[in-house]
């Protein structure tokens, strides 16, 4: 466990359910990072750049439309 987690656990601030959820989220993030890296490594650079740019444009338009 990390320092803050030990302190929170010692102070009875963080219960076992919170620790369990944190561990599950950590495992999910590791799996997602592994899968994402494999996808990025197999994607041609030009396609990857185009996908990122399209995603940014869509996010920007969504942000502008929300005002």
PDB file of N, CA and C in Angstrom:
ATOM      1  N   UNK A   1       0.844  -1.189   0.000  1.00  0.00           N
ATOM      2  CA  UNK A   1       0.000   0.000   0.000  1.00  0.00           C
ATOM      3  C   UNK A   1       0.881   1.241   0.000  1.00  0.00           C
ATOM      4  N   UNK A   2       0.327   2.310  -0.501  1.00  0.00           N
ATOM      5  CA  UNK A   2       1.067   3.564  -0.521  1.00  0.00           C
ATOM      6  C   UNK A   2       0.914   4.273   0.811  1.00  0.00           C
ATOM      7  N   UNK A   3       1.733   5.285   1.023  1.00  0.00           N
ATOM      8  CA  UNK A   3       1.695   6.053   2.263  1.00  0.00           C
ATOM      9  C   UNK A   3       0.330   6.622   2.584  1.00  0.00           C
ATOM     10  N   UNK A   4      -0.286   7.383   1.650  1.00  0.00           N
ATOM     11  CA  UNK A   4      -1.610   7.938   1.949  1.00  0.00           C
ATOM     12  C   UNK A   4      -2.653   6.865   2.239  1.00  0.00           C
ATOM     13  N   UNK A   5      -2.575   5.742   1.546  1.00  0.00           N
ATOM     14  CA  UNK A   5      -3.535   4.666   1.787  1.00  0.00           C
ATOM     15  C   UNK A   5      -3.342   4.083   3.179  1.00  0.00           C
ATOM     16  N   UNK A   6      -2.098   3.944   3.615  1.00  0.00           N
ATOM     17  CA  UNK A   6      -1.838   3.435   4.960  1.00  0.00           C
ATOM     18  C   UNK A   6      -2.357   4.387   6.020  1.00  0.00           C
ATOM     19  N   UNK A   7      -2.127   5.679   5.825  1.00  0.00           N
ATOM     20  CA  UNK A   7      -2.598   6.674   6.790  1.00  0.00           C
ATOM     21  C   UNK A   7      -4.117   6.676   6.840  1.00  0.00           C
ATOM     22  N   UNK A   8      -4.773   6.654   5.675  1.00  0.00           N
ATOM     23  CA  UNK A   8      -6.233   6.658   5.632  1.00  0.00           C
ATOM     24  C   UNK A   8      -6.791   5.385   6.263  1.00  0.00           C
ATOM     25  N   UNK A   9      -6.133   4.269   6.025  1.00  0.00           N
ATOM     26  CA  UNK A   9      -6.585   3.023   6.628  1.00  0.00           C
ATOM     27  C   UNK A   9      -6.406   3.019   8.132  1.00  0.00           C
ATOM     28  N   UNK A  10      -5.302   3.573   8.611  1.00  0.00           N
ATOM     29  CA  UNK A  10      -5.052   3.635  10.044  1.00  0.00           C
ATOM     30  C   UNK A  10      -6.037   4.567  10.732  1.00  0.00           C
ATOM     31  N   UNK A  11      -6.503   5.595  10.037  1.00  0.00           N
ATOM     32  CA  UNK A  11      -7.442   6.550  10.612  1.00  0.00           C
ATOM     33  C   UNK A  11      -8.890   6.102  10.416  1.00  0.00           C
ATOM     34  N   UNK A  12      -9.090   4.906   9.903  1.00  0.00           N
ATOM     35  CA  UNK A  12     -10.425   4.368   9.626  1.00  0.00           C
ATOM     36  C   UNK A  12     -11.246   5.289   8.727  1.00  0.00           C
ATOM     37  N   UNK A  13     -10.580   5.949   7.804  1.00  0.00           N
ATOM     38  CA  UNK A  13     -11.251   6.830   6.853  1.00  0.00           C
ATOM     39  C   UNK A  13     -11.641   6.051   5.606  1.00  0.00           C
ATOM     40  N   UNK A  14     -10.855   5.054   5.271  1.00  0.00           N
ATOM     41  CA  UNK A  14     -11.073   4.295   4.044  1.00  0.00           C
ATOM     42  C   UNK A  14     -11.390   2.849   4.419  1.00  0.00           C
ATOM     43  N   UNK A  15     -12.580   2.407   4.023  1.00  0.00           N
ATOM     44  CA  UNK A  15     -12.997   1.056   4.354  1.00  0.00           C
ATOM     45  C   UNK A  15     -12.492   0.032   3.360  1.00  0.00           C
ATOM     46  N   UNK A  16     -12.765  -1.224   3.664  1.00  0.00           N
ATOM     47  CA  UNK A  16     -12.324  -2.317   2.801  1.00  0.00           C
ATOM     48  C   UNK A  16     -12.997  -2.253   1.435  1.00  0.00           C
ATOM     49  N   UNK A  17     -14.256  -1.792   1.399  1.00  0.00           N
ATOM     50  CA  UNK A  17     -14.941  -1.698   0.109  1.00  0.00           C
ATOM     51  C   UNK A  17     -14.285  -0.654  -0.784  1.00  0.00           C
ATOM     52  N   UNK A  18     -13.821   0.441  -0.189  1.00  0.00           N
ATOM     53  CA  UNK A  18     -13.138   1.480  -0.962  1.00  0.00           C
ATOM     54  C   UNK A  18     -11.820   0.961  -1.513  1.00  0.00           C
ATOM     55  N   UNK A  19     -11.096   0.224  -0.711  1.00  0.00           N
ATOM     56  CA  UNK A  19      -9.829  -0.359  -1.165  1.00  0.00           C
ATOM     57  C   UNK A  19     -10.089  -1.357  -2.291  1.00  0.00           C
ATOM     58  N   UNK A  20     -11.119  -2.169  -2.147  1.00  0.00           N
ATOM     59  CA  UNK A  20     -11.456  -3.139  -3.187  1.00  0.00           C
ATOM     60  C   UNK A  20     -11.809  -2.473  -4.507  1.00  0.00           C
ATOM     61  N   UNK A  21     -12.603  -1.409  -4.435  1.00  0.00           N
ATOM     62  CA  UNK A  21     -12.959  -0.675  -5.655  1.00  0.00           C
ATOM     63  C   UNK A  21     -11.713  -0.064  -6.276  1.00  0.00           C
ATOM     64  N   UNK A  22     -10.836   0.482  -5.446  1.00  0.00           N
ATOM     65  CA  UNK A  22      -9.594   1.061  -5.958  1.00  0.00           C
ATOM     66  C   UNK A  22      -8.723   0.030  -6.652  1.00  0.00           C
ATOM     67  N   UNK A  23      -8.630  -1.155  -6.075  1.00  0.00           N
ATOM     68  CA  UNK A  23      -7.839  -2.217  -6.699  1.00  0.00           C
ATOM     69  C   UNK A  23      -8.453  -2.665  -8.024  1.00  0.00           C
ATOM     70  N   UNK A  24      -9.776  -2.783  -8.066  1.00  0.00           N
ATOM     71  CA  UNK A  24     -10.438  -3.159  -9.322  1.00  0.00           C
ATOM     72  C   UNK A  24     -10.222  -2.101 -10.395  1.00  0.00           C
ATOM     73  N   UNK A  25     -10.325  -0.833 -10.018  1.00  0.00           N
ATOM     74  CA  UNK A  25     -10.084   0.239 -10.985  1.00  0.00           C
ATOM     75  C   UNK A  25      -8.640   0.220 -11.468  1.00  0.00           C
ATOM     76  N   UNK A  26      -7.704  -0.055 -10.561  1.00  0.00           N
ATOM     77  CA  UNK A  26      -6.299  -0.127 -10.949  1.00  0.00           C
ATOM     78  C   UNK A  26      -6.041  -1.235 -11.957  1.00  0.00           C
ATOM     79  N   UNK A  27      -6.630  -2.395 -11.723  1.00  0.00           N
ATOM     80  CA  UNK A  27      -6.475  -3.515 -12.661  1.00  0.00           C
ATOM     81  C   UNK A  27      -7.097  -3.162 -14.010  1.00  0.00           C
ATOM     82  N   UNK A  28      -8.285  -2.537 -13.981  1.00  0.00           N
ATOM     83  CA  UNK A  28      -8.943  -2.146 -15.233  1.00  0.00           C
ATOM     84  C   UNK A  28      -8.082  -1.153 -16.007  1.00  0.00           C
ATOM     85  N   UNK A  29      -7.455  -0.212 -15.317  1.00  0.00           N
ATOM     86  CA  UNK A  29      -6.594   0.761 -15.984  1.00  0.00           C
ATOM     87  C   UNK A  29      -5.374   0.089 -16.609  1.00  0.00           C
ATOM     88  N   UNK A  30      -4.799  -0.881 -15.923  1.00  0.00           N
ATOM     89  CA  UNK A  30      -3.649  -1.593 -16.481  1.00  0.00           C
ATOM     90  C   UNK A  30      -4.033  -2.362 -17.743  1.00  0.00           C
ATOM     91  N   UNK A  31      -5.179  -3.037 -17.701  1.00  0.00           N
ATOM     92  CA  UNK A  31      -5.639  -3.789 -18.871  1.00  0.00           C
ATOM     93  C   UNK A  31      -5.918  -2.837 -20.030  1.00  0.00           C
ATOM     94  N   UNK A  32      -6.600  -1.720 -19.739  1.00  0.00           N
ATOM     95  CA  UNK A  32      -6.896  -0.741 -20.792  1.00  0.00           C
ATOM     96  C   UNK A  32      -5.625  -0.156 -21.389  1.00  0.00           C
ATOM     97  N   UNK A  33      -4.642   0.130 -20.557  1.00  0.00           N
ATOM     98  CA  UNK A  33      -3.382   0.683 -21.067  1.00  0.00           C
ATOM     99  C   UNK A  33      -2.680  -0.323 -21.972  1.00  0.00           C
ATOM    100  N   UNK A  34      -2.700  -1.593 -21.591  1.00  0.00           N
ATOM    101  CA  UNK A  34      -2.073  -2.638 -22.402  1.00  0.00           C
ATOM    102  C   UNK A  34      -2.771  -2.761 -23.756  1.00  0.00           C
ATOM    103  N   UNK A  35      -4.099  -2.816 -23.732  1.00  0.00           N
ATOM    104  CA  UNK A  35      -4.858  -2.935 -24.985  1.00  0.00           C
ATOM    105  C   UNK A  35      -4.655  -1.696 -25.844  1.00  0.00           C
ATOM    106  N   UNK A  36      -4.699  -0.518 -25.228  1.00  0.00           N
ATOM    107  CA  UNK A  36      -4.500   0.723 -25.971  1.00  0.00           C
ATOM    108  C   UNK A  36      -3.142   0.791 -26.633  1.00  0.00           C
ATOM    109  N   UNK A  37      -2.105   0.349 -25.927  1.00  0.00           N
ATOM    110  CA  UNK A  37      -0.759   0.363 -26.503  1.00  0.00           C
ATOM    111  C   UNK A  37      -0.670  -0.570 -27.702  1.00  0.00           C
ATOM    112  N   UNK A  38      -1.297  -1.734 -27.611  1.00  0.00           N
ATOM    113  CA  UNK A  38      -1.285  -2.666 -28.747  1.00  0.00           C
ATOM    114  C   UNK A  38      -2.007  -2.072 -29.953  1.00  0.00           C
ATOM    115  N   UNK A  39      -3.130  -1.392 -29.705  1.00  0.00           N
ATOM    116  CA  UNK A  39      -3.875  -0.774 -30.809  1.00  0.00           C
ATOM    117  C   UNK A  39      -3.048   0.328 -31.447  1.00  0.00           C
ATOM    118  N   UNK A  40      -2.439   1.178 -30.629  1.00  0.00           N
ATOM    119  CA  UNK A  40      -1.636   2.290 -31.156  1.00  0.00           C
ATOM    120  C   UNK A  40      -0.440   1.762 -31.941  1.00  0.00           C
ATOM    121  N   UNK A  41       0.191   0.714 -31.455  1.00  0.00           N
ATOM    122  CA  UNK A  41       1.355   0.160 -32.157  1.00  0.00           C
ATOM    123  C   UNK A  41       0.984  -0.440 -33.513  1.00  0.00           C
ATOM    124  N   UNK A  42      -0.247  -0.900 -33.669  1.00  0.00           N
ATOM    125  CA  UNK A  42      -0.677  -1.511 -34.933  1.00  0.00           C
ATOM    126  C   UNK A  42      -1.308  -0.505 -35.890  1.00  0.00           C
ATOM    127  N   UNK A  43      -1.616   0.697 -35.396  1.00  0.00           N
ATOM    128  CA  UNK A  43      -2.273   1.713 -36.223  1.00  0.00           C
ATOM    129  C   UNK A  43      -1.227   2.527 -36.966  1.00  0.00           C
ATOM    130  N   UNK A  44      -1.402   2.723 -38.272  1.00  0.00           N
ATOM    131  CA  UNK A  44      -0.468   3.582 -39.007  1.00  0.00           C
ATOM    132  C   UNK A  44      -0.476   5.005 -38.427  1.00  0.00           C
ATOM    133  N   UNK A  45       0.690   5.652 -38.475  1.00  0.00           N
ATOM    134  CA  UNK A  45       0.834   6.965 -37.845  1.00  0.00           C
ATOM    135  C   UNK A  45      -0.135   7.990 -38.424  1.00  0.00           C
ATOM    136  N   UNK A  46      -0.295   7.997 -39.734  1.00  0.00           N
ATOM    137  CA  UNK A  46      -1.196   8.985 -40.363  1.00  0.00           C
ATOM    138  C   UNK A  46      -2.639   8.785 -39.908  1.00  0.00           C
ATOM    139  N   UNK A  47      -3.075   7.532 -39.807  1.00  0.00           N
ATOM    140  CA  UNK A  47      -4.433   7.250 -39.346  1.00  0.00           C
ATOM    141  C   UNK A  47      -4.604   7.681 -37.894  1.00  0.00           C
ATOM    142  N   UNK A  48      -3.604   7.402 -37.064  1.00  0.00           N
ATOM    143  CA  UNK A  48      -3.672   7.779 -35.655  1.00  0.00           C
ATOM    144  C   UNK A  48      -3.796   9.291 -35.503  1.00  0.00           C
ATOM    145  N   UNK A  49      -2.973  10.041 -36.239  1.00  0.00           N
ATOM    146  CA  UNK A  49      -3.024  11.505 -36.171  1.00  0.00           C
ATOM    147  C   UNK A  49      -4.394  12.000 -36.637  1.00  0.00           C
ATOM    148  N   UNK A  50      -4.914  11.424 -37.705  1.00  0.00           N
ATOM    149  CA  UNK A  50      -6.232  11.830 -38.209  1.00  0.00           C
ATOM    150  C   UNK A  50      -7.327  11.548 -37.183  1.00  0.00           C
ATOM    151  N   UNK A  51      -7.269  10.390 -36.538  1.00  0.00           N
ATOM    152  CA  UNK A  51      -8.265  10.056 -35.518  1.00  0.00           C
ATOM    153  C   UNK A  51      -8.204  11.014 -34.335  1.00  0.00           C
ATOM    154  N   UNK A  52      -6.992  11.362 -33.907  1.00  0.00           N
ATOM    155  CA  UNK A  52      -6.841  12.303 -32.794  1.00  0.00           C
ATOM    156  C   UNK A  52      -7.392  13.666 -33.187  1.00  0.00           C
ATOM    157  N   UNK A  53      -7.085  14.129 -34.395  1.00  0.00           N
ATOM    158  CA  UNK A  53      -7.573  15.433 -34.840  1.00  0.00           C
ATOM    159  C   UNK A  53      -9.095  15.457 -34.942  1.00  0.00           C
ATOM    160  N   UNK A  54      -9.688  14.415 -35.490  1.00  0.00           N
ATOM    161  CA  UNK A  54     -11.152  14.356 -35.588  1.00  0.00           C
ATOM    162  C   UNK A  54     -11.775  14.352 -34.195  1.00  0.00           C
ATOM    163  N   UNK A  55     -11.187  13.597 -33.282  1.00  0.00           N
ATOM    164  CA  UNK A  55     -11.697  13.556 -31.917  1.00  0.00           C
ATOM    165  C   UNK A  55     -11.622  14.928 -31.266  1.00  0.00           C
ATOM    166  N   UNK A  56     -10.521  15.646 -31.463  1.00  0.00           N
ATOM    167  CA  UNK A  56     -10.383  16.984 -30.893  1.00  0.00           C
ATOM    168  C   UNK A  56     -11.390  17.958 -31.490  1.00  0.00           C
ATOM    169  N   UNK A  57     -11.625  17.878 -32.787  1.00  0.00           N
ATOM    170  CA  UNK A  57     -12.610  18.763 -33.425  1.00  0.00           C
ATOM    171  C   UNK A  57     -14.005  18.477 -32.873  1.00  0.00           C
ATOM    172  N   UNK A  58     -14.360  17.208 -32.759  1.00  0.00           N
ATOM    173  CA  UNK A  58     -15.677  16.852 -32.217  1.00  0.00           C
ATOM    174  C   UNK A  58     -15.813  17.336 -30.777  1.00  0.00           C
ATOM    175  N   UNK A  59     -14.773  17.147 -29.971  1.00  0.00           N
ATOM    176  CA  UNK A  59     -14.821  17.608 -28.582  1.00  0.00           C
ATOM    177  C   UNK A  59     -14.947  19.127 -28.520  1.00  0.00           C
ATOM    178  N   UNK A  60     -14.219  19.832 -29.389  1.00  0.00           N
ATOM    179  CA  UNK A  60     -14.304  21.286 -29.421  1.00  0.00           C
ATOM    180  C   UNK A  60     -15.682  21.766 -29.830  1.00  0.00           C
ATOM    181  N   UNK A  61     -16.264  21.146 -30.850  1.00  0.00           N
ATOM    182  CA  UNK A  61     -17.614  21.515 -31.279  1.00  0.00           C
ATOM    183  C   UNK A  61     -18.641  21.238 -30.182  1.00  0.00           C
ATOM    184  N   UNK A  62     -18.456  20.133 -29.490  1.00  0.00           N
ATOM    185  CA  UNK A  62     -19.353  19.809 -28.380  1.00  0.00           C
ATOM    186  C   UNK A  62     -19.233  20.856 -27.271  1.00  0.00           C
ATOM    187  N   UNK A  63     -18.019  21.283 -26.988  1.00  0.00           N
ATOM    188  CA  UNK A  63     -17.804  22.306 -25.961  1.00  0.00           C
ATOM    189  C   UNK A  63     -18.446  23.626 -26.370  1.00  0.00           C
ATOM    190  N   UNK A  64     -18.265  24.020 -27.623  1.00  0.00           N
ATOM    191  CA  UNK A  64     -18.855  25.268 -28.114  1.00  0.00           C
ATOM    192  C   UNK A  64     -20.383  25.179 -28.084  1.00  0.00           C
ATOM    193  N   UNK A  65     -20.925  24.046 -28.474  1.00  0.00           N
ATOM    194  CA  UNK A  65     -22.380  23.876 -28.510  1.00  0.00           C
ATOM    195  C   UNK A  65     -22.993  23.863 -27.114  1.00  0.00           C
ATOM    196  N   UNK A  66     -22.215  23.521 -26.106  1.00  0.00           N
ATOM    197  CA  UNK A  66     -22.767  23.442 -24.750  1.00  0.00           C
ATOM    198  C   UNK A  66     -22.934  24.813 -24.108  1.00  0.00           C
ATOM    199  N   UNK A  67     -22.376  25.861 -24.705  1.00  0.00           N
ATOM    200  CA  UNK A  67     -22.534  27.210 -24.145  1.00  0.00           C
ATOM    201  C   UNK A  67     -23.802  27.780 -24.587  1.00  0.00           C
TER     202      UNK A  67
END
